[in-house]
Amino acid sequence: KAEIQRLAKQGYKEIVLTGIDLGDYRFKDYRLADVIEM
């Protein structure tokens, strides 16, 4: 979230979420859909 906020302030309008196995994002109870909603 902090990185996206920094990039947005610099004028970036589009972000692409990447990973080796992106769909397996799991941080505590958060999943990929939570990152997208955030």
PDB file of all heavy atoms in Angstrom:
ATOM      1  N   LYS A   1       0.831  -1.207   0.000  1.00  0.00           N
ATOM      2  CA  LYS A   1       0.000   0.000   0.000  1.00  0.00           C
ATOM      3  C   LYS A   1       0.863   1.254   0.000  1.00  0.00           C
ATOM      4  O   LYS A   1       0.615   2.190  -0.773  1.00  0.00           O
ATOM      5  CB  LYS A   1      -0.916  -0.005   1.218  1.00  0.00           C
ATOM      6  CG  LYS A   1      -1.862   1.190   1.289  1.00  0.00           C
ATOM      7  CD  LYS A   1      -2.779   1.082   2.492  1.00  0.00           C
ATOM      8  CE  LYS A   1      -3.742   2.257   2.558  1.00  0.00           C
ATOM      9  NZ  LYS A   1      -4.643   2.149   3.732  1.00  0.00           N
ATOM     10  N   ALA A   2       1.896   1.268   0.835  1.00  0.00           N
ATOM     11  CA  ALA A   2       2.770   2.445   0.930  1.00  0.00           C
ATOM     12  C   ALA A   2       3.483   2.710  -0.394  1.00  0.00           C
ATOM     13  O   ALA A   2       3.626   3.862  -0.817  1.00  0.00           O
ATOM     14  CB  ALA A   2       3.784   2.252   2.059  1.00  0.00           C
ATOM     15  N   GLU A   3       3.922   1.640  -1.062  1.00  0.00           N
ATOM     16  CA  GLU A   3       4.611   1.817  -2.334  1.00  0.00           C
ATOM     17  C   GLU A   3       3.662   2.322  -3.411  1.00  0.00           C
ATOM     18  O   GLU A   3       4.010   3.211  -4.200  1.00  0.00           O
ATOM     19  CB  GLU A   3       5.276   0.521  -2.787  1.00  0.00           C
ATOM     20  CG  GLU A   3       6.074   0.692  -4.065  1.00  0.00           C
ATOM     21  CD  GLU A   3       7.038  -0.453  -4.327  1.00  0.00           C
ATOM     22  OE1 GLU A   3       7.617  -0.976  -3.357  1.00  0.00           O
ATOM     23  OE2 GLU A   3       7.219  -0.803  -5.490  1.00  0.00           O
ATOM     24  N   ILE A   4       2.457   1.791  -3.464  1.00  0.00           N
ATOM     25  CA  ILE A   4       1.481   2.261  -4.456  1.00  0.00           C
ATOM     26  C   ILE A   4       1.149   3.725  -4.211  1.00  0.00           C
ATOM     27  O   ILE A   4       1.034   4.518  -5.156  1.00  0.00           O
ATOM     28  CB  ILE A   4       0.200   1.391  -4.419  1.00  0.00           C
ATOM     29  CG1 ILE A   4       0.519  -0.052  -4.807  1.00  0.00           C
ATOM     30  CG2 ILE A   4      -0.852   1.970  -5.369  1.00  0.00           C
ATOM     31  CD1 ILE A   4      -0.662  -0.994  -4.662  1.00  0.00           C
ATOM     32  N   GLN A   5       1.027   4.116  -2.961  1.00  0.00           N
ATOM     33  CA  GLN A   5       0.737   5.515  -2.637  1.00  0.00           C
ATOM     34  C   GLN A   5       1.862   6.434  -3.094  1.00  0.00           C
ATOM     35  O   GLN A   5       1.614   7.511  -3.644  1.00  0.00           O
ATOM     36  CB  GLN A   5       0.504   5.667  -1.127  1.00  0.00           C
ATOM     37  CG  GLN A   5      -0.812   5.072  -0.645  1.00  0.00           C
ATOM     38  CD  GLN A   5      -0.954   5.064   0.860  1.00  0.00           C
ATOM     39  OE1 GLN A   5       0.052   4.968   1.597  1.00  0.00           O
ATOM     40  NE2 GLN A   5      -2.179   5.157   1.339  1.00  0.00           N
ATOM     41  N   ARG A   6       3.116   6.002  -2.903  1.00  0.00           N
ATOM     42  CA  ARG A   6       4.257   6.802  -3.354  1.00  0.00           C
ATOM     43  C   ARG A   6       4.242   6.958  -4.874  1.00  0.00           C
ATOM     44  O   ARG A   6       4.465   8.041  -5.408  1.00  0.00           O
ATOM     45  CB  ARG A   6       5.577   6.153  -2.928  1.00  0.00           C
ATOM     46  CG  ARG A   6       5.880   6.240  -1.444  1.00  0.00           C
ATOM     47  CD  ARG A   6       7.343   5.928  -1.170  1.00  0.00           C
ATOM     48  NE  ARG A   6       7.728   4.596  -1.601  1.00  0.00           N
ATOM     49  CZ  ARG A   6       7.652   3.505  -0.841  1.00  0.00           C
ATOM     50  NH1 ARG A   6       7.164   3.593   0.387  1.00  0.00           N
ATOM     51  NH2 ARG A   6       8.043   2.334  -1.306  1.00  0.00           N
ATOM     52  N   LEU A   7       3.966   5.851  -5.560  1.00  0.00           N
ATOM     53  CA  LEU A   7       3.953   5.881  -7.022  1.00  0.00           C
ATOM     54  C   LEU A   7       2.808   6.737  -7.552  1.00  0.00           C
ATOM     55  O   LEU A   7       2.954   7.461  -8.540  1.00  0.00           O
ATOM     56  CB  LEU A   7       3.871   4.458  -7.573  1.00  0.00           C
ATOM     57  CG  LEU A   7       5.112   3.592  -7.318  1.00  0.00           C
ATOM     58  CD1 LEU A   7       4.811   2.128  -7.604  1.00  0.00           C
ATOM     59  CD2 LEU A   7       6.288   4.062  -8.162  1.00  0.00           C
ATOM     60  N   ALA A   8       1.660   6.654  -6.889  1.00  0.00           N
ATOM     61  CA  ALA A   8       0.508   7.465  -7.302  1.00  0.00           C
ATOM     62  C   ALA A   8       0.823   8.954  -7.167  1.00  0.00           C
ATOM     63  O   ALA A   8       0.462   9.754  -8.037  1.00  0.00           O
ATOM     64  CB  ALA A   8      -0.720   7.094  -6.472  1.00  0.00           C
ATOM     65  N   LYS A   9       1.520   9.326  -6.101  1.00  0.00           N
ATOM     66  CA  LYS A   9       1.879  10.732  -5.889  1.00  0.00           C
ATOM     67  C   LYS A   9       2.849  11.222  -6.964  1.00  0.00           C
ATOM     68  O   LYS A   9       2.896  12.412  -7.271  1.00  0.00           O
ATOM     69  CB  LYS A   9       2.489  10.915  -4.498  1.00  0.00           C
ATOM     70  CG  LYS A   9       1.470  10.837  -3.375  1.00  0.00           C
ATOM     71  CD  LYS A   9       2.127  10.989  -2.009  1.00  0.00           C
ATOM     72  CE  LYS A   9       1.091  10.879  -0.904  1.00  0.00           C
ATOM     73  NZ  LYS A   9       1.719  10.965   0.447  1.00  0.00           N
ATOM     74  N   GLN A  10       3.637  10.293  -7.524  1.00  0.00           N
ATOM     75  CA  GLN A  10       4.568  10.654  -8.590  1.00  0.00           C
ATOM     76  C   GLN A  10       3.888  10.728  -9.953  1.00  0.00           C
ATOM     77  O   GLN A  10       4.519  11.071 -10.949  1.00  0.00           O
ATOM     78  CB  GLN A  10       5.716   9.648  -8.654  1.00  0.00           C
ATOM     79  CG  GLN A  10       6.655   9.708  -7.454  1.00  0.00           C
ATOM     80  CD  GLN A  10       7.783   8.706  -7.597  1.00  0.00           C
ATOM     81  OE1 GLN A  10       8.372   8.569  -8.655  1.00  0.00           O
ATOM     82  NE2 GLN A  10       8.079   8.000  -6.527  1.00  0.00           N
ATOM     83  N   GLY A  11       2.618  10.361 -10.002  1.00  0.00           N
ATOM     84  CA  GLY A  11       1.875  10.492 -11.248  1.00  0.00           C
ATOM     85  C   GLY A  11       1.607   9.196 -11.989  1.00  0.00           C
ATOM     86  O   GLY A  11       0.989   9.218 -13.060  1.00  0.00           O
ATOM     87  N   TYR A  12       2.063   8.071 -11.458  1.00  0.00           N
ATOM     88  CA  TYR A  12       1.768   6.792 -12.121  1.00  0.00           C
ATOM     89  C   TYR A  12       0.286   6.468 -11.961  1.00  0.00           C
ATOM     90  O   TYR A  12      -0.246   6.484 -10.853  1.00  0.00           O
ATOM     91  CB  TYR A  12       2.618   5.668 -11.525  1.00  0.00           C
ATOM     92  CG  TYR A  12       4.079   5.796 -11.846  1.00  0.00           C
ATOM     93  CD1 TYR A  12       4.966   6.375 -10.939  1.00  0.00           C
ATOM     94  CD2 TYR A  12       4.593   5.348 -13.061  1.00  0.00           C
ATOM     95  CE1 TYR A  12       6.312   6.507 -11.241  1.00  0.00           C
ATOM     96  CE2 TYR A  12       5.939   5.473 -13.365  1.00  0.00           C
ATOM     97  CZ  TYR A  12       6.787   6.059 -12.450  1.00  0.00           C
ATOM     98  OH  TYR A  12       8.112   6.187 -12.751  1.00  0.00           O
ATOM     99  N   LYS A  13      -0.355   6.156 -13.076  1.00  0.00           N
ATOM    100  CA  LYS A  13      -1.790   5.889 -13.052  1.00  0.00           C
ATOM    101  C   LYS A  13      -2.114   4.402 -13.156  1.00  0.00           C
ATOM    102  O   LYS A  13      -3.236   3.996 -12.849  1.00  0.00           O
ATOM    103  CB  LYS A  13      -2.477   6.649 -14.190  1.00  0.00           C
ATOM    104  CG  LYS A  13      -2.398   8.166 -14.010  1.00  0.00           C
ATOM    105  CD  LYS A  13      -3.081   8.893 -15.144  1.00  0.00           C
ATOM    106  CE  LYS A  13      -3.017  10.404 -14.934  1.00  0.00           C
ATOM    107  NZ  LYS A  13      -3.642  11.156 -16.042  1.00  0.00           N
ATOM    108  N   GLU A  14      -1.148   3.616 -13.623  1.00  0.00           N
ATOM    109  CA  GLU A  14      -1.398   2.185 -13.813  1.00  0.00           C
ATOM    110  C   GLU A  14      -0.372   1.364 -13.061  1.00  0.00           C
ATOM    111  O   GLU A  14       0.829   1.634 -13.127  1.00  0.00           O
ATOM    112  CB  GLU A  14      -1.351   1.829 -15.294  1.00  0.00           C
ATOM    113  CG  GLU A  14      -1.609   0.351 -15.583  1.00  0.00           C
ATOM    114  CD  GLU A  14      -1.675   0.047 -17.073  1.00  0.00           C
ATOM    115  OE1 GLU A  14      -2.299   0.819 -17.815  1.00  0.00           O
ATOM    116  OE2 GLU A  14      -1.081  -0.978 -17.473  1.00  0.00           O
ATOM    117  N   ILE A  15      -0.832   0.364 -12.328  1.00  0.00           N
ATOM    118  CA  ILE A  15       0.065  -0.563 -11.645  1.00  0.00           C
ATOM    119  C   ILE A  15      -0.218  -1.977 -12.131  1.00  0.00           C
ATOM    120  O   ILE A  15      -1.353  -2.322 -12.471  1.00  0.00           O
ATOM    121  CB  ILE A  15      -0.056  -0.500 -10.114  1.00  0.00           C
ATOM    122  CG1 ILE A  15      -1.474  -0.862  -9.660  1.00  0.00           C
ATOM    123  CG2 ILE A  15       0.356   0.863  -9.584  1.00  0.00           C
ATOM    124  CD1 ILE A  15      -1.578  -1.143  -8.180  1.00  0.00           C
ATOM    125  N   VAL A  16       0.838  -2.770 -12.168  1.00  0.00           N
ATOM    126  CA  VAL A  16       0.732  -4.182 -12.548  1.00  0.00           C
ATOM    127  C   VAL A  16       1.293  -5.002 -11.396  1.00  0.00           C
ATOM    128  O   VAL A  16       2.471  -4.883 -11.054  1.00  0.00           O
ATOM    129  CB  VAL A  16       1.517  -4.489 -13.836  1.00  0.00           C
ATOM    130  CG1 VAL A  16       1.287  -5.938 -14.265  1.00  0.00           C
ATOM    131  CG2 VAL A  16       1.136  -3.535 -14.955  1.00  0.00           C
ATOM    132  N   LEU A  17       0.454  -5.810 -10.774  1.00  0.00           N
ATOM    133  CA  LEU A  17       0.885  -6.648  -9.662  1.00  0.00           C
ATOM    134  C   LEU A  17       1.561  -7.892 -10.222  1.00  0.00           C
ATOM    135  O   LEU A  17       0.992  -8.591 -11.067  1.00  0.00           O
ATOM    136  CB  LEU A  17      -0.321  -7.043  -8.796  1.00  0.00           C
ATOM    137  CG  LEU A  17      -1.127  -5.873  -8.233  1.00  0.00           C
ATOM    138  CD1 LEU A  17      -2.365  -6.391  -7.499  1.00  0.00           C
ATOM    139  CD2 LEU A  17      -0.276  -5.022  -7.297  1.00  0.00           C
ATOM    140  N   THR A  18       2.784  -8.166  -9.777  1.00  0.00           N
ATOM    141  CA  THR A  18       3.533  -9.292 -10.315  1.00  0.00           C
ATOM    142  C   THR A  18       4.062 -10.188  -9.199  1.00  0.00           C
ATOM    143  O   THR A  18       4.160  -9.782  -8.040  1.00  0.00           O
ATOM    144  CB  THR A  18       4.725  -8.827 -11.178  1.00  0.00           C
ATOM    145  OG1 THR A  18       5.660  -8.132 -10.343  1.00  0.00           O
ATOM    146  CG2 THR A  18       4.276  -7.925 -12.298  1.00  0.00           C
ATOM    147  N   GLY A  19       4.420 -11.396  -9.578  1.00  0.00           N
ATOM    148  CA  GLY A  19       5.004 -12.360  -8.651  1.00  0.00           C
ATOM    149  C   GLY A  19       5.365 -13.611  -9.422  1.00  0.00           C
ATOM    150  O   GLY A  19       4.978 -13.777 -10.581  1.00  0.00           O
ATOM    151  N   ILE A  20       6.118 -14.476  -8.796  1.00  0.00           N
ATOM    152  CA  ILE A  20       6.465 -15.751  -9.425  1.00  0.00           C
ATOM    153  C   ILE A  20       5.230 -16.642  -9.530  1.00  0.00           C
ATOM    154  O   ILE A  20       4.979 -17.288 -10.546  1.00  0.00           O
ATOM    155  CB  ILE A  20       7.582 -16.457  -8.634  1.00  0.00           C
ATOM    156  CG1 ILE A  20       8.864 -15.608  -8.629  1.00  0.00           C
ATOM    157  CG2 ILE A  20       7.856 -17.846  -9.214  1.00  0.00           C
ATOM    158  CD1 ILE A  20       9.438 -15.343 -10.012  1.00  0.00           C
ATOM    159  N   ASP A  21       4.432 -16.674  -8.466  1.00  0.00           N
ATOM    160  CA  ASP A  21       3.131 -17.360  -8.475  1.00  0.00           C
ATOM    161  C   ASP A  21       2.135 -16.410  -7.828  1.00  0.00           C
ATOM    162  O   ASP A  21       1.736 -16.577  -6.686  1.00  0.00           O
ATOM    163  CB  ASP A  21       3.216 -18.687  -7.718  1.00  0.00           C
ATOM    164  CG  ASP A  21       1.921 -19.484  -7.785  1.00  0.00           C
ATOM    165  OD1 ASP A  21       1.013 -19.087  -8.552  1.00  0.00           O
ATOM    166  OD2 ASP A  21       1.800 -20.488  -7.059  1.00  0.00           O
ATOM    167  N   LEU A  22       1.777 -15.365  -8.578  1.00  0.00           N
ATOM    168  CA  LEU A  22       1.002 -14.249  -8.051  1.00  0.00           C
ATOM    169  C   LEU A  22      -0.284 -14.688  -7.367  1.00  0.00           C
ATOM    170  O   LEU A  22      -0.661 -14.147  -6.319  1.00  0.00           O
ATOM    171  CB  LEU A  22       0.686 -13.278  -9.194  1.00  0.00           C
ATOM    172  CG  LEU A  22      -0.124 -12.035  -8.843  1.00  0.00           C
ATOM    173  CD1 LEU A  22       0.646 -11.142  -7.880  1.00  0.00           C
ATOM    174  CD2 LEU A  22      -0.501 -11.283 -10.113  1.00  0.00           C
ATOM    175  N   GLY A  23      -0.955 -15.667  -7.949  1.00  0.00           N
ATOM    176  CA  GLY A  23      -2.234 -16.106  -7.392  1.00  0.00           C
ATOM    177  C   GLY A  23      -2.123 -16.726  -6.017  1.00  0.00           C
ATOM    178  O   GLY A  23      -3.126 -16.865  -5.305  1.00  0.00           O
ATOM    179  N   ASP A  24      -0.906 -17.090  -5.617  1.00  0.00           N
ATOM    180  CA  ASP A  24      -0.691 -17.697  -4.305  1.00  0.00           C
ATOM    181  C   ASP A  24      -0.341 -16.649  -3.250  1.00  0.00           C
ATOM    182  O   ASP A  24       0.167 -16.995  -2.184  1.00  0.00           O
ATOM    183  CB  ASP A  24       0.427 -18.748  -4.394  1.00  0.00           C
ATOM    184  CG  ASP A  24       0.443 -19.677  -3.194  1.00  0.00           C
ATOM    185  OD1 ASP A  24      -0.645 -20.089  -2.744  1.00  0.00           O
ATOM    186  OD2 ASP A  24       1.538 -19.995  -2.675  1.00  0.00           O
ATOM    187  N   TYR A  25      -0.606 -15.372  -3.534  1.00  0.00           N
ATOM    188  CA  TYR A  25      -0.330 -14.338  -2.537  1.00  0.00           C
ATOM    189  C   TYR A  25      -1.074 -14.659  -1.238  1.00  0.00           C
ATOM    190  O   TYR A  25      -2.294 -14.839  -1.226  1.00  0.00           O
ATOM    191  CB  TYR A  25      -0.761 -12.953  -3.049  1.00  0.00           C
ATOM    192  CG  TYR A  25      -0.547 -11.877  -1.995  1.00  0.00           C
ATOM    193  CD1 TYR A  25       0.666 -11.202  -1.905  1.00  0.00           C
ATOM    194  CD2 TYR A  25      -1.542 -11.575  -1.066  1.00  0.00           C
ATOM    195  CE1 TYR A  25       0.889 -10.244  -0.925  1.00  0.00           C
ATOM    196  CE2 TYR A  25      -1.327 -10.620  -0.080  1.00  0.00           C
ATOM    197  CZ  TYR A  25      -0.114  -9.960  -0.006  1.00  0.00           C
ATOM    198  OH  TYR A  25       0.111  -9.035   0.977  1.00  0.00           O
ATOM    199  N   ARG A  26      -0.331 -14.721  -0.139  1.00  0.00           N
ATOM    200  CA  ARG A  26      -0.907 -15.001   1.168  1.00  0.00           C
ATOM    201  C   ARG A  26      -0.082 -14.289   2.235  1.00  0.00           C
ATOM    202  O   ARG A  26       1.017 -14.704   2.552  1.00  0.00           O
ATOM    203  CB  ARG A  26      -0.889 -16.514   1.471  1.00  0.00           C
ATOM    204  CG  ARG A  26      -1.718 -17.366   0.530  1.00  0.00           C
ATOM    205  CD  ARG A  26      -1.466 -18.855   0.737  1.00  0.00           C
ATOM    206  NE  ARG A  26      -2.210 -19.647  -0.221  1.00  0.00           N
ATOM    207  CZ  ARG A  26      -3.445 -20.105  -0.020  1.00  0.00           C
ATOM    208  NH1 ARG A  26      -4.054 -19.855   1.126  1.00  0.00           N
ATOM    209  NH2 ARG A  26      -4.061 -20.820  -0.947  1.00  0.00           N
ATOM    210  N   PHE A  27      -0.621 -13.194   2.758  1.00  0.00           N
ATOM    211  CA  PHE A  27       0.015 -12.517   3.885  1.00  0.00           C
ATOM    212  C   PHE A  27      -0.995 -12.451   5.022  1.00  0.00           C
ATOM    213  O   PHE A  27      -2.020 -11.778   4.910  1.00  0.00           O
ATOM    214  CB  PHE A  27       0.485 -11.116   3.498  1.00  0.00           C
ATOM    215  CG  PHE A  27       1.139 -10.379   4.636  1.00  0.00           C
ATOM    216  CD1 PHE A  27       2.449 -10.665   4.997  1.00  0.00           C
ATOM    217  CD2 PHE A  27       0.430  -9.438   5.366  1.00  0.00           C
ATOM    218  CE1 PHE A  27       3.040 -10.019   6.065  1.00  0.00           C
ATOM    219  CE2 PHE A  27       1.022  -8.779   6.430  1.00  0.00           C
ATOM    220  CZ  PHE A  27       2.329  -9.074   6.780  1.00  0.00           C
ATOM    221  N   LYS A  28      -0.721 -13.206   6.086  1.00  0.00           N
ATOM    222  CA  LYS A  28      -1.676 -13.361   7.194  1.00  0.00           C
ATOM    223  C   LYS A  28      -2.998 -13.850   6.600  1.00  0.00           C
ATOM    224  O   LYS A  28      -3.037 -14.881   5.969  1.00  0.00           O
ATOM    225  CB  LYS A  28      -1.808 -12.053   7.972  1.00  0.00           C
ATOM    226  CG  LYS A  28      -0.508 -11.623   8.656  1.00  0.00           C
ATOM    227  CD  LYS A  28      -0.670 -10.347   9.437  1.00  0.00           C
ATOM    228  CE  LYS A  28       0.637  -9.975  10.134  1.00  0.00           C
ATOM    229  NZ  LYS A  28       0.536  -8.702  10.878  1.00  0.00           N
ATOM    230  N   ASP A  29      -4.086 -13.095   6.792  1.00  0.00           N
ATOM    231  CA  ASP A  29      -5.375 -13.522   6.245  1.00  0.00           C
ATOM    232  C   ASP A  29      -5.680 -12.877   4.901  1.00  0.00           C
ATOM    233  O   ASP A  29      -6.772 -13.055   4.352  1.00  0.00           O
ATOM    234  CB  ASP A  29      -6.501 -13.172   7.229  1.00  0.00           C
ATOM    235  CG  ASP A  29      -6.415 -13.997   8.509  1.00  0.00           C
ATOM    236  OD1 ASP A  29      -5.929 -15.142   8.431  1.00  0.00           O
ATOM    237  OD2 ASP A  29      -6.822 -13.489   9.562  1.00  0.00           O
ATOM    238  N   TYR A  30      -4.724 -12.131   4.356  1.00  0.00           N
ATOM    239  CA  TYR A  30      -4.952 -11.417   3.098  1.00  0.00           C
ATOM    240  C   TYR A  30      -4.602 -12.294   1.896  1.00  0.00           C
ATOM    241  O   TYR A  30      -3.632 -13.049   1.921  1.00  0.00           O
ATOM    242  CB  TYR A  30      -4.113 -10.137   3.051  1.00  0.00           C
ATOM    243  CG  TYR A  30      -4.472  -9.135   4.120  1.00  0.00           C
ATOM    244  CD1 TYR A  30      -3.641  -8.952   5.229  1.00  0.00           C
ATOM    245  CD2 TYR A  30      -5.644  -8.377   4.039  1.00  0.00           C
ATOM    246  CE1 TYR A  30      -3.964  -8.033   6.217  1.00  0.00           C
ATOM    247  CE2 TYR A  30      -5.975  -7.466   5.022  1.00  0.00           C
ATOM    248  CZ  TYR A  30      -5.136  -7.293   6.115  1.00  0.00           C
ATOM    249  OH  TYR A  30      -5.460  -6.386   7.091  1.00  0.00           O
ATOM    250  N   ARG A  31      -5.403 -12.152   0.834  1.00  0.00           N
ATOM    251  CA  ARG A  31      -5.177 -12.850  -0.411  1.00  0.00           C
ATOM    252  C   ARG A  31      -5.104 -11.824  -1.547  1.00  0.00           C
ATOM    253  O   ARG A  31      -5.231 -10.627  -1.329  1.00  0.00           O
ATOM    254  CB  ARG A  31      -6.303 -13.872  -0.662  1.00  0.00           C
ATOM    255  CG  ARG A  31      -6.426 -14.945   0.416  1.00  0.00           C
ATOM    256  CD  ARG A  31      -5.210 -15.849   0.452  1.00  0.00           C
ATOM    257  NE  ARG A  31      -5.341 -16.919   1.438  1.00  0.00           N
ATOM    258  CZ  ARG A  31      -4.880 -16.858   2.688  1.00  0.00           C
ATOM    259  NH1 ARG A  31      -4.261 -15.755   3.101  1.00  0.00           N
ATOM    260  NH2 ARG A  31      -5.038 -17.864   3.509  1.00  0.00           N
ATOM    261  N   LEU A  32      -4.928 -12.300  -2.768  1.00  0.00           N
ATOM    262  CA  LEU A  32      -4.754 -11.410  -3.902  1.00  0.00           C
ATOM    263  C   LEU A  32      -5.927 -10.452  -4.065  1.00  0.00           C
ATOM    264  O   LEU A  32      -5.738  -9.261  -4.365  1.00  0.00           O
ATOM    265  CB  LEU A  32      -4.552 -12.219  -5.186  1.00  0.00           C
ATOM    266  CG  LEU A  32      -4.334 -11.418  -6.474  1.00  0.00           C
ATOM    267  CD1 LEU A  32      -3.125 -10.491  -6.355  1.00  0.00           C
ATOM    268  CD2 LEU A  32      -4.167 -12.359  -7.659  1.00  0.00           C
ATOM    269  N   ALA A  33      -7.142 -10.923  -3.866  1.00  0.00           N
ATOM    270  CA  ALA A  33      -8.318 -10.053  -4.008  1.00  0.00           C
ATOM    271  C   ALA A  33      -8.259  -8.889  -3.030  1.00  0.00           C
ATOM    272  O   ALA A  33      -8.681  -7.767  -3.352  1.00  0.00           O
ATOM    273  CB  ALA A  33      -9.594 -10.856  -3.810  1.00  0.00           C
ATOM    274  N   ASP A  34      -7.731  -9.134  -1.835  1.00  0.00           N
ATOM    275  CA  ASP A  34      -7.608  -8.060  -0.844  1.00  0.00           C
ATOM    276  C   ASP A  34      -6.625  -6.995  -1.302  1.00  0.00           C
ATOM    277  O   ASP A  34      -6.844  -5.794  -1.099  1.00  0.00           O
ATOM    278  CB  ASP A  34      -7.150  -8.642   0.505  1.00  0.00           C
ATOM    279  CG  ASP A  34      -8.138  -9.630   1.071  1.00  0.00           C
ATOM    280  OD1 ASP A  34      -9.283  -9.234   1.334  1.00  0.00           O
ATOM    281  OD2 ASP A  34      -7.767 -10.810   1.236  1.00  0.00           O
ATOM    282  N   VAL A  35      -5.513  -7.422  -1.930  1.00  0.00           N
ATOM    283  CA  VAL A  35      -4.527  -6.470  -2.450  1.00  0.00           C
ATOM    284  C   VAL A  35      -5.161  -5.625  -3.555  1.00  0.00           C
ATOM    285  O   VAL A  35      -4.990  -4.400  -3.604  1.00  0.00           O
ATOM    286  CB  VAL A  35      -3.281  -7.197  -2.992  1.00  0.00           C
ATOM    287  CG1 VAL A  35      -2.299  -6.193  -3.593  1.00  0.00           C
ATOM    288  CG2 VAL A  35      -2.606  -7.997  -1.893  1.00  0.00           C
ATOM    289  N   ILE A  36      -5.914  -6.260  -4.436  1.00  0.00           N
ATOM    290  CA  ILE A  36      -6.553  -5.548  -5.545  1.00  0.00           C
ATOM    291  C   ILE A  36      -7.561  -4.529  -5.009  1.00  0.00           C
ATOM    292  O   ILE A  36      -7.596  -3.372  -5.461  1.00  0.00           O
ATOM    293  CB  ILE A  36      -7.225  -6.546  -6.505  1.00  0.00           C
ATOM    294  CG1 ILE A  36      -6.158  -7.384  -7.216  1.00  0.00           C
ATOM    295  CG2 ILE A  36      -8.117  -5.819  -7.517  1.00  0.00           C
ATOM    296  CD1 ILE A  36      -6.709  -8.543  -8.018  1.00  0.00           C
ATOM    297  N   GLU A  37      -8.362  -4.941  -4.033  1.00  0.00           N
ATOM    298  CA  GLU A  37      -9.346  -4.023  -3.455  1.00  0.00           C
ATOM    299  C   GLU A  37      -8.663  -2.845  -2.765  1.00  0.00           C
ATOM    300  O   GLU A  37      -9.127  -1.704  -2.847  1.00  0.00           O
ATOM    301  CB  GLU A  37     -10.239  -4.778  -2.476  1.00  0.00           C
ATOM    302  CG  GLU A  37     -11.207  -5.730  -3.163  1.00  0.00           C
ATOM    303  CD  GLU A  37     -11.965  -6.623  -2.194  1.00  0.00           C
ATOM    304  OE1 GLU A  37     -11.517  -6.786  -1.039  1.00  0.00           O
ATOM    305  OE2 GLU A  37     -13.011  -7.172  -2.599  1.00  0.00           O
ATOM    306  N   MET A  38      -7.573  -3.119  -2.078  1.00  0.00           N
ATOM    307  CA  MET A  38      -6.821  -2.049  -1.425  1.00  0.00           C
ATOM    308  C   MET A  38      -6.281  -1.065  -2.448  1.00  0.00           C
ATOM    309  O   MET A  38      -6.410   0.156  -2.306  1.00  0.00           O
ATOM    310  CB  MET A  38      -5.679  -2.655  -0.600  1.00  0.00           C
ATOM    311  CG  MET A  38      -4.710  -1.645   0.012  1.00  0.00           C
ATOM    312  SD  MET A  38      -3.343  -1.250  -1.105  1.00  0.00           S
ATOM    313  CE  MET A  38      -2.443  -2.794  -1.128  1.00  0.00           C
TER     314      MET A  38
END
